Amino acid sequence: MVTGTDTENEPWDLSHLHPAAQQIARLPDEERLRYVRADRWIGYTRATEALVQLETLFSWPVKQRMPNLLLIGPTNNGKSMIIEKFRRSHPPISHPDFEEIPVLVVQMPSEPSVGRFYTALLAALGAPIRSRYRVADLEQLVLRLLRSAGVRLLVIDELHNVLGGRGDTRREFLNLLRFLGNELRIPLVGVGIRDAYLAIRADDQLENRFAPLTLPHWEADADTCSLLASFASSFPLRRPSPIATTEMAGYLLTRSEGTIGELTHLLTDAAVAAVESGEEAINQRTLLLAPYAGPTERRRCFERELV
């Protein structure tokens, strides 16, 4: 049995927590709250599948036509966390004369154009940017820097922004994706909401090259219960949190509207309430104490304030 002690020297059985969380649970409330509010990686089946596919692409032997991946899901449903987890597993490597960047992540500009995208790539590479590059010069500079940095996999986040451009701009950018894949012979990973798939589908050749992997809304099933159990054991609360049940999963998903980002927000607020109230568990009381409001409720509040 692993025990800790509260401010009144009462022993706590902390065996319901992961070892790292057990250590934090012994600390004063202020430090525990800082830990509760920090980002944390919670593994789950679909995320593990995505990481495995990313690793497979990363290790793919160089060939004329490289495979690509399209990671699709609703807003705030874990796409960026998966990409960041993968990027951190392949961090930049400093050499005397250059920095090697095995995995490069770039965000698709909100107003898509070839010039702006090349400029975003230069920024992601940490290269100096002049204001008067011609597109042809930008293209050659970007290709040279991507090769010299040893980029082995390029991630394009917010790919759905392609649809924000005019028809000719969209076609130009889709041609650019095909060009980069052919020229660099590295896998490309597109990340975005459903509209990213619609953008890729507009080009038959690209649609054939990008294998889709979806992160759907969560449902009250065994996977969600397992996820909730992982959350319960990672928050440094001194009593067990009875949230890994189908009934509780249904309630939490209804309130958070089915995405892992909103669910994390709700559970974090409840964990803070559990520490501050002395309840020391996520339960019905602390879930009611949590100041969390779901996306629909937030929109309604905002709309009421505009009237």
Protein backbone atom coordinates (compact mmCIF):
# COMPACT_ATOMS: atom_id res chain seq x y z
CA MET A 1 0.00 0.00 0.00
CA VAL A 2 1.31 3.45 -0.95
CA THR A 3 0.30 6.16 1.46
CA GLY A 4 0.62 9.92 1.69
CA THR A 5 -0.32 12.48 4.31
CA ASP A 6 -2.59 15.52 4.09
CA THR A 7 -2.14 18.78 5.96
CA GLU A 8 -3.64 17.20 9.09
CA ASN A 9 -1.30 14.19 8.92
CA GLU A 10 -4.11 11.86 7.85
CA PRO A 11 -2.73 8.88 5.92
CA TRP A 12 -4.05 8.33 2.39
CA ASP A 13 -4.09 5.14 0.35
CA LEU A 14 -2.77 6.31 -3.03
CA SER A 15 -2.69 2.92 -4.74
CA HIS A 16 -5.41 4.06 -7.16
CA LEU A 17 -2.90 6.43 -8.82
CA HIS A 18 -0.07 5.97 -11.28
CA PRO A 19 3.34 6.09 -9.53
CA ALA A 20 4.11 9.58 -10.88
CA ALA A 21 0.74 10.89 -9.68
CA GLN A 22 1.31 9.29 -6.27
CA GLN A 23 4.37 11.47 -5.79
CA ILE A 24 2.47 14.61 -6.78
CA ALA A 25 -0.47 13.69 -4.52
CA ARG A 26 1.79 14.08 -1.48
CA LEU A 27 2.58 17.71 -2.35
CA PRO A 28 0.76 20.86 -1.14
CA ASP A 29 -2.42 21.86 -2.95
CA GLU A 30 -0.82 24.69 -4.93
CA GLU A 31 1.68 22.33 -6.53
CA ARG A 32 -0.96 19.69 -7.14
CA LEU A 33 -3.18 22.22 -8.91
CA ARG A 34 -0.32 23.24 -11.17
CA TYR A 35 0.12 19.58 -12.13
CA VAL A 36 -3.64 19.08 -12.66
CA ARG A 37 -3.80 22.05 -15.06
CA ALA A 38 -0.73 20.99 -17.09
CA ASP A 39 -1.01 19.16 -20.42
CA ARG A 40 -0.66 15.40 -20.19
CA TRP A 41 -0.61 12.53 -22.66
CA ILE A 42 -3.38 9.99 -22.12
CA GLY A 43 -2.99 7.07 -24.48
CA TYR A 44 -6.01 5.40 -26.08
CA THR A 45 -6.60 2.90 -28.86
CA ARG A 46 -7.17 5.27 -31.78
CA ALA A 47 -4.24 7.48 -30.78
CA THR A 48 -1.98 4.44 -30.54
CA GLU A 49 -3.09 3.33 -34.01
CA ALA A 50 -2.29 6.79 -35.37
CA LEU A 51 1.17 6.79 -33.79
CA VAL A 52 1.89 3.33 -35.21
CA GLN A 53 0.91 4.50 -38.71
CA LEU A 54 3.06 7.62 -38.34
CA GLU A 55 6.04 5.51 -37.26
CA THR A 56 5.48 3.22 -40.26
CA LEU A 57 5.54 6.20 -42.62
CA PHE A 58 8.60 7.63 -40.90
CA SER A 59 10.51 4.38 -41.47
CA TRP A 60 9.29 3.88 -45.05
CA PRO A 61 12.12 3.22 -47.55
CA VAL A 62 12.60 5.94 -50.14
CA LYS A 63 10.73 5.19 -53.35
CA GLN A 64 9.35 7.14 -56.26
CA ARG A 65 5.80 7.33 -54.90
CA MET A 66 5.72 7.65 -51.14
CA PRO A 67 2.59 6.86 -49.07
CA ASN A 68 0.81 9.68 -47.25
CA LEU A 69 -1.67 9.93 -44.38
CA LEU A 70 -4.71 12.12 -43.75
CA LEU A 71 -5.59 12.47 -40.05
CA ILE A 72 -9.19 13.64 -39.86
CA GLY A 73 -11.40 14.48 -36.89
CA PRO A 74 -13.63 17.11 -35.31
CA THR A 75 -12.10 20.22 -33.79
CA ASN A 76 -10.53 19.62 -30.36
CA ASN A 77 -10.52 15.84 -30.71
CA GLY A 78 -6.84 15.06 -30.13
CA LYS A 79 -5.26 15.47 -33.59
CA SER A 80 -2.69 18.06 -32.52
CA MET A 81 -1.77 16.11 -29.36
CA ILE A 82 -1.04 13.02 -31.45
CA ILE A 83 1.15 14.99 -33.85
CA GLU A 84 3.00 16.67 -31.00
CA LYS A 85 3.56 13.32 -29.26
CA PHE A 86 5.01 11.93 -32.49
CA ARG A 87 7.15 15.00 -33.13
CA ARG A 88 8.63 14.82 -29.63
CA SER A 89 9.59 11.19 -30.24
CA HIS A 90 11.73 12.43 -33.16
CA PRO A 91 13.18 15.72 -31.88
CA PRO A 92 15.59 17.97 -33.80
CA ILE A 93 19.25 16.97 -33.62
CA SER A 94 21.90 19.67 -33.36
CA HIS A 95 25.06 19.27 -35.42
CA PRO A 96 28.07 21.63 -35.53
CA ASP A 97 27.01 23.20 -38.82
CA PHE A 98 23.27 22.56 -39.05
CA GLU A 99 20.17 21.30 -37.26
CA GLU A 100 18.58 18.07 -38.39
CA ILE A 101 14.74 18.13 -38.26
CA PRO A 102 13.40 14.62 -38.86
CA VAL A 103 9.73 15.65 -38.46
CA LEU A 104 8.67 19.09 -39.62
CA VAL A 105 5.23 20.45 -38.68
CA VAL A 106 3.82 23.44 -40.55
CA GLN A 107 0.39 25.05 -40.39
CA MET A 108 -1.53 25.72 -43.55
CA PRO A 109 -2.08 29.52 -43.81
CA SER A 110 -5.62 30.72 -43.26
CA GLU A 111 -5.55 32.32 -46.72
CA PRO A 112 -3.85 29.61 -48.77
CA SER A 113 -1.37 30.43 -51.49
CA VAL A 114 1.82 28.81 -52.67
CA GLY A 115 3.92 31.81 -51.63
CA ARG A 116 2.48 31.96 -48.11
CA PHE A 117 2.88 28.22 -47.66
CA TYR A 118 6.54 28.33 -48.70
CA THR A 119 7.05 31.22 -46.28
CA ALA A 120 5.42 29.16 -43.50
CA LEU A 121 7.83 26.32 -44.30
CA LEU A 122 10.80 28.68 -44.01
CA ALA A 123 9.52 29.87 -40.63
CA ALA A 124 9.08 26.27 -39.42
CA LEU A 125 12.66 25.56 -40.50
CA GLY A 126 13.91 28.61 -38.59
CA ALA A 127 15.26 30.18 -41.77
CA PRO A 128 15.50 33.97 -42.28
CA ILE A 129 12.71 35.33 -44.45
CA ARG A 130 13.09 38.16 -46.94
CA SER A 131 10.01 40.04 -48.03
CA ARG A 132 10.72 40.05 -51.77
CA TYR A 133 11.26 36.45 -52.77
CA ARG A 134 9.76 35.36 -56.05
CA VAL A 135 7.75 32.14 -55.79
CA ALA A 136 10.25 30.30 -58.00
CA ASP A 137 13.10 31.39 -55.72
CA LEU A 138 11.10 30.44 -52.62
CA GLU A 139 10.49 27.01 -54.07
CA GLN A 140 14.16 26.27 -54.70
CA LEU A 141 15.19 27.65 -51.30
CA VAL A 142 12.58 25.57 -49.46
CA LEU A 143 13.52 22.39 -51.30
CA ARG A 144 17.20 22.94 -50.55
CA LEU A 145 16.58 23.61 -46.86
CA LEU A 146 14.21 20.67 -46.43
CA ARG A 147 16.87 18.39 -47.87
CA SER A 148 19.73 19.88 -45.85
CA ALA A 149 17.67 19.64 -42.63
CA GLY A 150 17.10 15.94 -43.29
CA VAL A 151 13.31 16.21 -43.08
CA ARG A 152 11.92 12.69 -43.34
CA LEU A 153 8.23 13.44 -42.76
CA LEU A 154 6.28 16.65 -43.36
CA VAL A 155 3.08 17.33 -41.39
CA ILE A 156 0.66 19.96 -42.71
CA ASP A 157 -1.78 20.99 -39.99
CA GLU A 158 -5.08 22.78 -40.64
CA LEU A 159 -5.09 21.36 -44.16
CA HIS A 160 -8.79 22.19 -44.49
CA ASN A 161 -7.77 25.85 -44.92
CA VAL A 162 -7.12 24.93 -48.56
CA LEU A 163 -10.87 25.26 -49.12
CA GLY A 164 -10.62 28.93 -48.11
CA GLY A 165 -8.89 29.73 -51.39
CA ARG A 166 -10.40 30.37 -54.78
CA GLY A 167 -10.75 27.50 -57.23
CA ASP A 168 -7.52 28.23 -59.09
CA THR A 169 -5.65 28.75 -55.81
CA ARG A 170 -6.90 25.40 -54.47
CA ARG A 171 -5.80 23.61 -57.62
CA GLU A 172 -2.40 25.28 -57.47
CA PHE A 173 -1.88 24.19 -53.88
CA LEU A 174 -3.02 20.62 -54.52
CA ASN A 175 -0.53 20.48 -57.38
CA LEU A 176 2.09 21.74 -54.93
CA LEU A 177 1.39 18.84 -52.54
CA ARG A 178 1.85 16.37 -55.36
CA PHE A 179 5.05 18.15 -56.43
CA LEU A 180 6.55 18.11 -52.92
CA GLY A 181 5.85 14.42 -52.50
CA ASN A 182 7.42 13.59 -55.86
CA GLU A 183 10.39 15.92 -55.50
CA LEU A 184 11.36 15.19 -51.89
CA ARG A 185 10.26 11.55 -51.76
CA ILE A 186 9.13 11.84 -48.17
CA PRO A 187 5.71 11.02 -46.68
CA LEU A 188 3.24 13.88 -46.23
CA VAL A 189 0.72 13.91 -43.38
CA GLY A 190 -2.33 16.15 -43.67
CA VAL A 191 -4.22 17.04 -40.50
CA GLY A 192 -7.61 18.70 -40.27
CA ILE A 193 -11.36 18.49 -39.97
CA ARG A 194 -13.63 16.73 -42.48
CA ASP A 195 -13.09 19.55 -45.00
CA ALA A 196 -9.45 18.46 -45.34
CA TYR A 197 -10.67 15.21 -46.88
CA LEU A 198 -12.98 17.14 -49.19
CA ALA A 199 -10.00 19.21 -50.34
CA ILE A 200 -7.86 16.15 -51.07
CA ARG A 201 -10.76 14.36 -52.74
CA ALA A 202 -10.91 17.14 -55.32
CA ASP A 203 -7.73 15.69 -56.85
CA ASP A 204 -7.99 12.02 -57.89
CA GLN A 205 -4.22 11.45 -57.75
CA LEU A 206 -3.90 12.91 -54.26
CA GLU A 207 -6.93 11.02 -52.99
CA ASN A 208 -5.24 7.78 -54.01
CA ARG A 209 -2.03 8.75 -52.21
CA PHE A 210 -3.51 9.87 -48.86
CA ALA A 211 -4.83 7.06 -46.66
CA PRO A 212 -7.49 8.50 -44.30
CA LEU A 213 -7.46 7.86 -40.55
CA THR A 214 -10.41 9.28 -38.64
CA LEU A 215 -10.77 10.31 -35.00
CA PRO A 216 -14.56 10.19 -34.56
CA HIS A 217 -16.61 11.57 -31.70
CA TRP A 218 -16.42 9.42 -28.59
CA GLU A 219 -19.24 7.11 -27.49
CA ALA A 220 -20.11 5.58 -24.11
CA ASP A 221 -18.31 2.28 -24.64
CA ALA A 222 -15.41 0.23 -23.26
CA ASP A 223 -12.78 2.45 -24.92
CA THR A 224 -14.19 5.54 -23.22
CA CYS A 225 -14.35 3.79 -19.86
CA SER A 226 -10.70 2.80 -20.27
CA LEU A 227 -9.85 6.41 -21.14
CA LEU A 228 -11.67 7.68 -18.05
CA ALA A 229 -9.83 5.17 -15.87
CA SER A 230 -6.54 6.55 -17.22
CA PHE A 231 -7.62 10.10 -16.39
CA ALA A 232 -8.69 9.04 -12.89
CA SER A 233 -5.30 7.47 -12.18
CA SER A 234 -3.32 10.42 -13.57
CA PHE A 235 -4.89 13.26 -11.56
CA PRO A 236 -3.15 13.52 -8.13
CA LEU A 237 -6.36 13.20 -6.11
CA ARG A 238 -6.20 11.40 -2.79
CA ARG A 239 -9.44 9.44 -3.17
CA PRO A 240 -10.47 7.21 -6.10
CA SER A 241 -12.61 8.87 -8.78
CA PRO A 242 -15.57 6.61 -9.76
CA ILE A 243 -15.82 7.81 -13.37
CA ALA A 244 -14.88 4.70 -15.39
CA THR A 245 -18.45 3.47 -15.84
CA THR A 246 -20.73 3.43 -18.89
CA GLU A 247 -23.27 5.61 -17.08
CA MET A 248 -20.67 8.20 -16.14
CA ALA A 249 -19.15 8.03 -19.63
CA GLY A 250 -22.54 8.87 -21.14
CA TYR A 251 -22.99 11.83 -18.81
CA LEU A 252 -19.48 13.20 -19.41
CA LEU A 253 -19.67 12.83 -23.19
CA THR A 254 -23.06 14.51 -23.32
CA ARG A 255 -21.75 17.42 -21.31
CA SER A 256 -18.49 17.70 -23.28
CA GLU A 257 -20.15 16.97 -26.65
CA GLY A 258 -18.00 13.96 -27.48
CA THR A 259 -14.48 15.29 -28.09
CA ILE A 260 -11.42 14.43 -26.04
CA GLY A 261 -10.32 18.05 -25.79
CA GLU A 262 -13.59 19.13 -24.19
CA LEU A 263 -13.65 16.02 -22.00
CA THR A 264 -10.15 16.87 -20.77
CA HIS A 265 -11.28 20.43 -20.01
CA LEU A 266 -14.29 19.17 -18.02
CA LEU A 267 -12.30 16.61 -16.04
CA THR A 268 -9.54 19.13 -15.31
CA ASP A 269 -12.07 21.63 -13.93
CA ALA A 270 -13.61 18.86 -11.82
CA ALA A 271 -10.17 17.80 -10.53
CA VAL A 272 -9.41 21.40 -9.54
CA ALA A 273 -12.74 21.55 -7.72
CA ALA A 274 -11.88 18.25 -6.01
CA VAL A 275 -8.65 19.72 -4.60
CA GLU A 276 -10.09 23.10 -3.66
CA SER A 277 -13.20 21.65 -1.99
CA GLY A 278 -11.32 18.91 -0.13
CA GLU A 279 -13.48 16.27 -1.84
CA GLU A 280 -10.31 14.73 -3.36
CA ALA A 281 -12.16 12.84 -6.12
CA ILE A 282 -13.99 13.49 -9.37
CA ASN A 283 -17.56 12.58 -8.57
CA GLN A 284 -21.06 13.98 -8.93
CA ARG A 285 -20.40 16.78 -6.46
CA THR A 286 -17.15 18.03 -7.99
CA LEU A 287 -18.54 17.70 -11.52
CA LEU A 288 -21.33 20.07 -10.47
CA LEU A 289 -18.81 22.39 -8.80
CA ALA A 290 -16.70 22.51 -11.98
CA PRO A 291 -17.21 25.82 -13.84
CA TYR A 292 -17.04 24.04 -17.19
CA ALA A 293 -19.43 24.99 -20.00
CA GLY A 294 -19.64 22.93 -23.20
CA PRO A 295 -19.23 24.40 -26.71
CA THR A 296 -22.95 24.88 -27.32
CA GLU A 297 -23.47 26.53 -23.95
CA ARG A 298 -20.50 28.84 -24.54
CA ARG A 299 -21.90 29.89 -27.91
CA ARG A 300 -25.32 30.58 -26.38
CA CYS A 301 -23.80 32.71 -23.63
CA PHE A 302 -21.80 34.67 -26.19
CA GLU A 303 -24.85 35.18 -28.41
CA ARG A 304 -26.89 36.40 -25.43
CA GLU A 305 -24.21 38.97 -24.61
CA LEU A 306 -24.31 40.26 -28.21
CA VAL A 307 -28.04 41.00 -28.06
